[in-house]
Amino acid sequence: MKQANDAVLVSPPNLERHNPDPNYLRQLLDEAGLSQQEAARRLGVSVRMMRYYLAEDDGKPAPYLVQFGLEALAAAGRKSQS
């Protein structure tokens, strides 16, 4: 979605869309064009926790707020690439 000022908008938060799958989160990181460290910094989580969220084995499921933040960063990354 775009507004007249070309701002990047994401869908409103919706907990029913929670998808903590590490592969989905990695895809969002790629779309954002950010490293794990930079994404962690921008989201206010530690690099260690970001690694846990992205680990397929013995990882911790990412909270929806982290997913939503990554979705917003990915939307901004897609906008800057176009």
PDB file of N, CA and C in Angstrom:
ATOM      1  N   MET A   1       0.841  -1.174   0.000  1.00  0.00           N
ATOM      2  CA  MET A   1       0.000   0.000   0.000  1.00  0.00           C
ATOM      3  C   MET A   1       0.885   1.236   0.000  1.00  0.00           C
ATOM      4  N   LYS A   2       0.483   2.255  -0.735  1.00  0.00           N
ATOM      5  CA  LYS A   2       1.234   3.500  -0.756  1.00  0.00           C
ATOM      6  C   LYS A   2       0.281   4.662  -0.582  1.00  0.00           C
ATOM      7  N   GLN A   3       0.778   5.711   0.032  1.00  0.00           N
ATOM      8  CA  GLN A   3       0.028   6.942   0.158  1.00  0.00           C
ATOM      9  C   GLN A   3       0.568   7.925  -0.863  1.00  0.00           C
ATOM     10  N   ALA A   4      -0.059   9.086  -0.939  1.00  0.00           N
ATOM     11  CA  ALA A   4       0.358  10.098  -1.899  1.00  0.00           C
ATOM     12  C   ALA A   4       1.812  10.515  -1.699  1.00  0.00           C
ATOM     13  N   ASN A   5       2.297  10.511  -0.457  1.00  0.00           N
ATOM     14  CA  ASN A   5       3.680  10.917  -0.198  1.00  0.00           C
ATOM     15  C   ASN A   5       4.660   9.774  -0.421  1.00  0.00           C
ATOM     16  N   ASP A   6       4.175   8.652  -0.972  1.00  0.00           N
ATOM     17  CA  ASP A   6       5.002   7.487  -1.295  1.00  0.00           C
ATOM     18  C   ASP A   6       5.601   6.820  -0.057  1.00  0.00           C
ATOM     19  N   ALA A   7       4.955   6.993   1.091  1.00  0.00           N
ATOM     20  CA  ALA A   7       5.419   6.343   2.318  1.00  0.00           C
ATOM     21  C   ALA A   7       5.157   4.843   2.225  1.00  0.00           C
ATOM     22  N   VAL A   8       5.995   4.085   2.892  1.00  0.00           N
ATOM     23  CA  VAL A   8       5.820   2.633   2.919  1.00  0.00           C
ATOM     24  C   VAL A   8       4.848   2.291   4.034  1.00  0.00           C
ATOM     25  N   LEU A   9       3.825   1.562   3.675  1.00  0.00           N
ATOM     26  CA  LEU A   9       2.856   1.112   4.666  1.00  0.00           C
ATOM     27  C   LEU A   9       2.853  -0.401   4.694  1.00  0.00           C
ATOM     28  N   VAL A  10       2.646  -0.933   5.869  1.00  0.00           N
ATOM     29  CA  VAL A  10       2.497  -2.377   6.013  1.00  0.00           C
ATOM     30  C   VAL A  10       1.097  -2.636   6.547  1.00  0.00           C
ATOM     31  N   SER A  11       0.654  -3.848   6.405  1.00  0.00           N
ATOM     32  CA  SER A  11      -0.658  -4.203   6.938  1.00  0.00           C
ATOM     33  C   SER A  11      -0.665  -3.970   8.438  1.00  0.00           C
ATOM     34  N   PRO A  12      -1.820  -3.637   8.989  1.00  0.00           N
ATOM     35  CA  PRO A  12      -1.882  -3.460  10.439  1.00  0.00           C
ATOM     36  C   PRO A  12      -1.505  -4.756  11.152  1.00  0.00           C
ATOM     37  N   PRO A  13      -0.994  -4.642  12.362  1.00  0.00           N
ATOM     38  CA  PRO A  13      -0.644  -5.855  13.109  1.00  0.00           C
ATOM     39  C   PRO A  13      -1.852  -6.779  13.244  1.00  0.00           C
ATOM     40  N   ASN A  14      -1.599  -8.066  13.097  1.00  0.00           N
ATOM     41  CA  ASN A  14      -2.652  -9.070  13.218  1.00  0.00           C
ATOM     42  C   ASN A  14      -2.003 -10.351  13.721  1.00  0.00           C
ATOM     43  N   LEU A  15      -2.198 -10.637  14.970  1.00  0.00           N
ATOM     44  CA  LEU A  15      -1.570 -11.795  15.603  1.00  0.00           C
ATOM     45  C   LEU A  15      -1.920 -13.110  14.907  1.00  0.00           C
ATOM     46  N   GLU A  16      -3.037 -13.156  14.208  1.00  0.00           N
ATOM     47  CA  GLU A  16      -3.408 -14.378  13.490  1.00  0.00           C
ATOM     48  C   GLU A  16      -2.441 -14.678  12.348  1.00  0.00           C
ATOM     49  N   ARG A  17      -1.652 -13.698  11.924  1.00  0.00           N
ATOM     50  CA  ARG A  17      -0.676 -13.893  10.856  1.00  0.00           C
ATOM     51  C   ARG A  17       0.701 -14.272  11.402  1.00  0.00           C
ATOM     52  N   HIS A  18       0.785 -14.598  12.683  1.00  0.00           N
ATOM     53  CA  HIS A  18       2.079 -14.919  13.288  1.00  0.00           C
ATOM     54  C   HIS A  18       2.695 -16.135  12.610  1.00  0.00           C
ATOM     55  N   ASN A  19       3.904 -15.960  12.102  1.00  0.00           N
ATOM     56  CA  ASN A  19       4.625 -17.039  11.422  1.00  0.00           C
ATOM     57  C   ASN A  19       6.081 -16.992  11.883  1.00  0.00           C
ATOM     58  N   PRO A  20       6.421 -17.680  12.979  1.00  0.00           N
ATOM     59  CA  PRO A  20       7.789 -17.621  13.497  1.00  0.00           C
ATOM     60  C   PRO A  20       8.770 -18.532  12.763  1.00  0.00           C
ATOM     61  N   ASP A  21       8.372 -19.077  11.615  1.00  0.00           N
ATOM     62  CA  ASP A  21       9.248 -19.961  10.846  1.00  0.00           C
ATOM     63  C   ASP A  21      10.554 -19.237  10.509  1.00  0.00           C
ATOM     64  N   PRO A  22      11.703 -19.778  10.926  1.00  0.00           N
ATOM     65  CA  PRO A  22      12.991 -19.123  10.653  1.00  0.00           C
ATOM     66  C   PRO A  22      13.233 -18.855   9.169  1.00  0.00           C
ATOM     67  N   ASN A  23      12.727 -19.725   8.296  1.00  0.00           N
ATOM     68  CA  ASN A  23      12.904 -19.496   6.858  1.00  0.00           C
ATOM     69  C   ASN A  23      12.164 -18.244   6.400  1.00  0.00           C
ATOM     70  N   TYR A  24      10.965 -18.030   6.928  1.00  0.00           N
ATOM     71  CA  TYR A  24      10.206 -16.822   6.597  1.00  0.00           C
ATOM     72  C   TYR A  24      10.935 -15.583   7.115  1.00  0.00           C
ATOM     73  N   LEU A  25      11.448 -15.660   8.335  1.00  0.00           N
ATOM     74  CA  LEU A  25      12.152 -14.514   8.910  1.00  0.00           C
ATOM     75  C   LEU A  25      13.423 -14.205   8.125  1.00  0.00           C
ATOM     76  N   ARG A  26      14.132 -15.239   7.673  1.00  0.00           N
ATOM     77  CA  ARG A  26      15.335 -15.025   6.851  1.00  0.00           C
ATOM     78  C   ARG A  26      14.984 -14.380   5.515  1.00  0.00           C
ATOM     79  N   GLN A  27      13.857 -14.803   4.956  1.00  0.00           N
ATOM     80  CA  GLN A  27      13.391 -14.199   3.704  1.00  0.00           C
ATOM     81  C   GLN A  27      13.135 -12.701   3.906  1.00  0.00           C
ATOM     82  N   LEU A  28      12.521 -12.346   5.027  1.00  0.00           N
ATOM     83  CA  LEU A  28      12.272 -10.937   5.324  1.00  0.00           C
ATOM     84  C   LEU A  28      13.580 -10.169   5.465  1.00  0.00           C
ATOM     85  N   LEU A  29      14.566 -10.781   6.115  1.00  0.00           N
ATOM     86  CA  LEU A  29      15.885 -10.141   6.239  1.00  0.00           C
ATOM     87  C   LEU A  29      16.490  -9.887   4.868  1.00  0.00           C
ATOM     88  N   ASP A  30      16.397 -10.869   3.991  1.00  0.00           N
ATOM     89  CA  ASP A  30      16.926 -10.712   2.633  1.00  0.00           C
ATOM     90  C   ASP A  30      16.215  -9.578   1.900  1.00  0.00           C
ATOM     91  N   GLU A  31      14.898  -9.536   2.014  1.00  0.00           N
ATOM     92  CA  GLU A  31      14.128  -8.483   1.350  1.00  0.00           C
ATOM     93  C   GLU A  31      14.469  -7.109   1.910  1.00  0.00           C
ATOM     94  N   ALA A  32      14.776  -7.060   3.204  1.00  0.00           N
ATOM     95  CA  ALA A  32      15.156  -5.791   3.826  1.00  0.00           C
ATOM     96  C   ALA A  32      16.573  -5.389   3.447  1.00  0.00           C
ATOM     97  N   GLY A  33      17.377  -6.374   3.030  1.00  0.00           N
ATOM     98  CA  GLY A  33      18.771  -6.090   2.688  1.00  0.00           C
ATOM     99  C   GLY A  33      19.618  -5.776   3.909  1.00  0.00           C
ATOM    100  N   LEU A  34      19.285  -6.418   5.032  1.00  0.00           N
ATOM    101  CA  LEU A  34      19.982  -6.143   6.290  1.00  0.00           C
ATOM    102  C   LEU A  34      20.674  -7.393   6.816  1.00  0.00           C
ATOM    103  N   SER A  35      21.745  -7.169   7.552  1.00  0.00           N
ATOM    104  CA  SER A  35      22.399  -8.265   8.262  1.00  0.00           C
ATOM    105  C   SER A  35      21.591  -8.579   9.521  1.00  0.00           C
ATOM    106  N   GLN A  36      21.874  -9.719  10.105  1.00  0.00           N
ATOM    107  CA  GLN A  36      21.226 -10.068  11.370  1.00  0.00           C
ATOM    108  C   GLN A  36      21.528  -9.012  12.426  1.00  0.00           C
ATOM    109  N   GLN A  37      22.768  -8.556  12.455  1.00  0.00           N
ATOM    110  CA  GLN A  37      23.180  -7.571  13.452  1.00  0.00           C
ATOM    111  C   GLN A  37      22.427  -6.253  13.275  1.00  0.00           C
ATOM    112  N   GLU A  38      22.315  -5.788  12.032  1.00  0.00           N
ATOM    113  CA  GLU A  38      21.634  -4.513  11.792  1.00  0.00           C
ATOM    114  C   GLU A  38      20.143  -4.628  12.077  1.00  0.00           C
ATOM    115  N   ALA A  39      19.538  -5.729  11.685  1.00  0.00           N
ATOM    116  CA  ALA A  39      18.115  -5.928  11.973  1.00  0.00           C
ATOM    117  C   ALA A  39      17.881  -5.969  13.481  1.00  0.00           C
ATOM    118  N   ALA A  40      18.737  -6.675  14.207  1.00  0.00           N
ATOM    119  CA  ALA A  40      18.604  -6.743  15.666  1.00  0.00           C
ATOM    120  C   ALA A  40      18.702  -5.348  16.277  1.00  0.00           C
ATOM    121  N   ARG A  41      19.657  -4.566  15.805  1.00  0.00           N
ATOM    122  CA  ARG A  41      19.827  -3.205  16.323  1.00  0.00           C
ATOM    123  C   ARG A  41      18.576  -2.372  16.069  1.00  0.00           C
ATOM    124  N   ARG A  42      18.063  -2.438  14.860  1.00  0.00           N
ATOM    125  CA  ARG A  42      16.886  -1.629  14.513  1.00  0.00           C
ATOM    126  C   ARG A  42      15.634  -2.065  15.263  1.00  0.00           C
ATOM    127  N   LEU A  43      15.551  -3.348  15.592  1.00  0.00           N
ATOM    128  CA  LEU A  43      14.374  -3.856  16.302  1.00  0.00           C
ATOM    129  C   LEU A  43      14.528  -3.798  17.817  1.00  0.00           C
ATOM    130  N   GLY A  44      15.721  -3.491  18.287  1.00  0.00           N
ATOM    131  CA  GLY A  44      15.934  -3.391  19.727  1.00  0.00           C
ATOM    132  C   GLY A  44      16.038  -4.728  20.430  1.00  0.00           C
ATOM    133  N   VAL A  45      16.513  -5.738  19.703  1.00  0.00           N
ATOM    134  CA  VAL A  45      16.752  -7.040  20.327  1.00  0.00           C
ATOM    135  C   VAL A  45      18.243  -7.337  20.240  1.00  0.00           C
ATOM    136  N   SER A  46      18.711  -8.228  21.081  1.00  0.00           N
ATOM    137  CA  SER A  46      20.131  -8.569  21.041  1.00  0.00           C
ATOM    138  C   SER A  46      20.425  -9.426  19.810  1.00  0.00           C
ATOM    139  N   VAL A  47      21.668  -9.387  19.378  1.00  0.00           N
ATOM    140  CA  VAL A  47      22.092 -10.212  18.247  1.00  0.00           C
ATOM    141  C   VAL A  47      21.906 -11.685  18.599  1.00  0.00           C
ATOM    142  N   ARG A  48      22.174 -12.036  19.831  1.00  0.00           N
ATOM    143  CA  ARG A  48      22.003 -13.428  20.268  1.00  0.00           C
ATOM    144  C   ARG A  48      20.548 -13.878  20.099  1.00  0.00           C
ATOM    145  N   MET A  49      19.604 -13.036  20.512  1.00  0.00           N
ATOM    146  CA  MET A  49      18.191 -13.407  20.359  1.00  0.00           C
ATOM    147  C   MET A  49      17.814 -13.501  18.887  1.00  0.00           C
ATOM    148  N   MET A  50      18.330 -12.601  18.060  1.00  0.00           N
ATOM    149  CA  MET A  50      18.032 -12.671  16.628  1.00  0.00           C
ATOM    150  C   MET A  50      18.529 -13.997  16.059  1.00  0.00           C
ATOM    151  N   ARG A  51      19.712 -14.423  16.495  1.00  0.00           N
ATOM    152  CA  ARG A  51      20.238 -15.717  16.033  1.00  0.00           C
ATOM    153  C   ARG A  51      19.333 -16.868  16.471  1.00  0.00           C
ATOM    154  N   TYR A  52      18.847 -16.793  17.714  1.00  0.00           N
ATOM    155  CA  TYR A  52      17.923 -17.826  18.198  1.00  0.00           C
ATOM    156  C   TYR A  52      16.670 -17.868  17.319  1.00  0.00           C
ATOM    157  N   TYR A  53      16.125 -16.700  16.995  1.00  0.00           N
ATOM    158  CA  TYR A  53      14.902 -16.638  16.191  1.00  0.00           C
ATOM    159  C   TYR A  53      15.119 -17.211  14.792  1.00  0.00           C
ATOM    160  N   LEU A  54      16.344 -17.099  14.269  1.00  0.00           N
ATOM    161  CA  LEU A  54      16.641 -17.552  12.911  1.00  0.00           C
ATOM    162  C   LEU A  54      17.168 -18.985  12.860  1.00  0.00           C
ATOM    163  N   ALA A  55      17.408 -19.588  14.028  1.00  0.00           N
ATOM    164  CA  ALA A  55      17.937 -20.955  14.082  1.00  0.00           C
ATOM    165  C   ALA A  55      16.817 -21.958  13.822  1.00  0.00           C
ATOM    166  N   GLU A  56      17.103 -22.931  12.973  1.00  0.00           N
ATOM    167  CA  GLU A  56      16.092 -23.950  12.679  1.00  0.00           C
ATOM    168  C   GLU A  56      16.051 -25.029  13.751  1.00  0.00           C
ATOM    169  N   ASP A  57      17.178 -25.330  14.366  1.00  0.00           N
ATOM    170  CA  ASP A  57      17.247 -26.354  15.403  1.00  0.00           C
ATOM    171  C   ASP A  57      17.460 -25.692  16.755  1.00  0.00           C
ATOM    172  N   ASP A  58      16.625 -26.046  17.706  1.00  0.00           N
ATOM    173  CA  ASP A  58      16.754 -25.550  19.078  1.00  0.00           C
ATOM    174  C   ASP A  58      16.668 -24.033  19.179  1.00  0.00           C
ATOM    175  N   GLY A  59      16.055 -23.403  18.219  1.00  0.00           N
ATOM    176  CA  GLY A  59      15.877 -21.957  18.282  1.00  0.00           C
ATOM    177  C   GLY A  59      14.673 -21.600  19.129  1.00  0.00           C
ATOM    178  N   LYS A  60      14.494 -20.326  19.329  1.00  0.00           N
ATOM    179  CA  LYS A  60      13.332 -19.836  20.057  1.00  0.00           C
ATOM    180  C   LYS A  60      12.391 -19.205  19.039  1.00  0.00           C
ATOM    181  N   PRO A  61      11.099 -19.460  19.144  1.00  0.00           N
ATOM    182  CA  PRO A  61      10.184 -18.834  18.195  1.00  0.00           C
ATOM    183  C   PRO A  61      10.167 -17.317  18.384  1.00  0.00           C
ATOM    184  N   ALA A  62      10.227 -16.612  17.287  1.00  0.00           N
ATOM    185  CA  ALA A  62      10.219 -15.150  17.348  1.00  0.00           C
ATOM    186  C   ALA A  62       8.841 -14.658  17.767  1.00  0.00           C
ATOM    187  N   PRO A  63       8.790 -13.677  18.654  1.00  0.00           N
ATOM    188  CA  PRO A  63       7.499 -13.080  18.989  1.00  0.00           C
ATOM    189  C   PRO A  63       6.920 -12.377  17.757  1.00  0.00           C
ATOM    190  N   TYR A  64       5.619 -12.206  17.740  1.00  0.00           N
ATOM    191  CA  TYR A  64       4.985 -11.558  16.596  1.00  0.00           C
ATOM    192  C   TYR A  64       5.540 -10.155  16.377  1.00  0.00           C
ATOM    193  N   LEU A  65       5.862  -9.453  17.431  1.00  0.00           N
ATOM    194  CA  LEU A  65       6.380  -8.092  17.283  1.00  0.00           C
ATOM    195  C   LEU A  65       7.676  -8.064  16.478  1.00  0.00           C
ATOM    196  N   VAL A  66       8.532  -9.061  16.653  1.00  0.00           N
ATOM    197  CA  VAL A  66       9.768  -9.155  15.863  1.00  0.00           C
ATOM    198  C   VAL A  66       9.418  -9.430  14.404  1.00  0.00           C
ATOM    199  N   GLN A  67       8.498 -10.355  14.164  1.00  0.00           N
ATOM    200  CA  GLN A  67       8.070 -10.637  12.791  1.00  0.00           C
ATOM    201  C   GLN A  67       7.513  -9.372  12.145  1.00  0.00           C
ATOM    202  N   PHE A  68       6.652  -8.656  12.844  1.00  0.00           N
ATOM    203  CA  PHE A  68       6.033  -7.454  12.292  1.00  0.00           C
ATOM    204  C   PHE A  68       7.097  -6.402  11.974  1.00  0.00           C
ATOM    205  N   GLY A  69       8.076  -6.251  12.869  1.00  0.00           N
ATOM    206  CA  GLY A  69       9.169  -5.317  12.613  1.00  0.00           C
ATOM    207  C   GLY A  69       9.963  -5.703  11.384  1.00  0.00           C
ATOM    208  N   LEU A  70      10.250  -6.994  11.230  1.00  0.00           N
ATOM    209  CA  LEU A  70      10.969  -7.458  10.038  1.00  0.00           C
ATOM    210  C   LEU A  70      10.139  -7.249   8.776  1.00  0.00           C
ATOM    211  N   GLU A  71       8.830  -7.425   8.876  1.00  0.00           N
ATOM    212  CA  GLU A  71       7.972  -7.176   7.713  1.00  0.00           C
ATOM    213  C   GLU A  71       8.029  -5.705   7.310  1.00  0.00           C
ATOM    214  N   ALA A  72       8.041  -4.817   8.293  1.00  0.00           N
ATOM    215  CA  ALA A  72       8.136  -3.387   7.993  1.00  0.00           C
ATOM    216  C   ALA A  72       9.488  -3.050   7.367  1.00  0.00           C
ATOM    217  N   LEU A  73      10.564  -3.624   7.894  1.00  0.00           N
ATOM    218  CA  LEU A  73      11.893  -3.389   7.324  1.00  0.00           C
ATOM    219  C   LEU A  73      11.976  -3.950   5.905  1.00  0.00           C
ATOM    220  N   ALA A  74      11.354  -5.103   5.667  1.00  0.00           N
ATOM    221  CA  ALA A  74      11.354  -5.696   4.327  1.00  0.00           C
ATOM    222  C   ALA A  74      10.581  -4.812   3.351  1.00  0.00           C
ATOM    223  N   ALA A  75       9.456  -4.261   3.798  1.00  0.00           N
ATOM    224  CA  ALA A  75       8.671  -3.374   2.932  1.00  0.00           C
ATOM    225  C   ALA A  75       9.487  -2.138   2.566  1.00  0.00           C
ATOM    226  N   ALA A  76      10.217  -1.603   3.532  1.00  0.00           N
ATOM    227  CA  ALA A  76      11.073  -0.443   3.256  1.00  0.00           C
ATOM    228  C   ALA A  76      12.204  -0.824   2.307  1.00  0.00           C
ATOM    229  N   GLY A  77      12.746  -2.023   2.474  1.00  0.00           N
ATOM    230  CA  GLY A  77      13.808  -2.493   1.588  1.00  0.00           C
ATOM    231  C   GLY A  77      13.322  -2.669   0.168  1.00  0.00           C
ATOM    232  N   ARG A  78      12.107  -3.192   0.019  1.00  0.00           N
ATOM    233  CA  ARG A  78      11.533  -3.359  -1.323  1.00  0.00           C
ATOM    234  C   ARG A  78      11.296  -2.004  -1.972  1.00  0.00           C
ATOM    235  N   LYS A  79      10.862  -1.026  -1.176  1.00  0.00           N
ATOM    236  CA  LYS A  79      10.603   0.313  -1.716  1.00  0.00           C
ATOM    237  C   LYS A  79      11.900   0.946  -2.207  1.00  0.00           C
ATOM    238  N   SER A  80      12.968   0.781  -1.439  1.00  0.00           N
ATOM    239  CA  SER A  80      14.239   1.406  -1.822  1.00  0.00           C
ATOM    240  C   SER A  80      14.852   0.740  -3.050  1.00  0.00           C
ATOM    241  N   GLN A  81      14.486  -0.513  -3.318  1.00  0.00           N
ATOM    242  CA  GLN A  81      15.012  -1.217  -4.488  1.00  0.00           C
ATOM    243  C   GLN A  81      14.243  -0.870  -5.756  1.00  0.00           C
ATOM    244  N   SER A  82      13.051  -0.290  -5.602  1.00  0.00           N
ATOM    245  CA  SER A  82      12.259   0.028  -6.800  1.00  0.00           C
ATOM    246  C   SER A  82      12.477   1.440  -7.283  1.00  0.00           C
TER     247      SER A  82
END
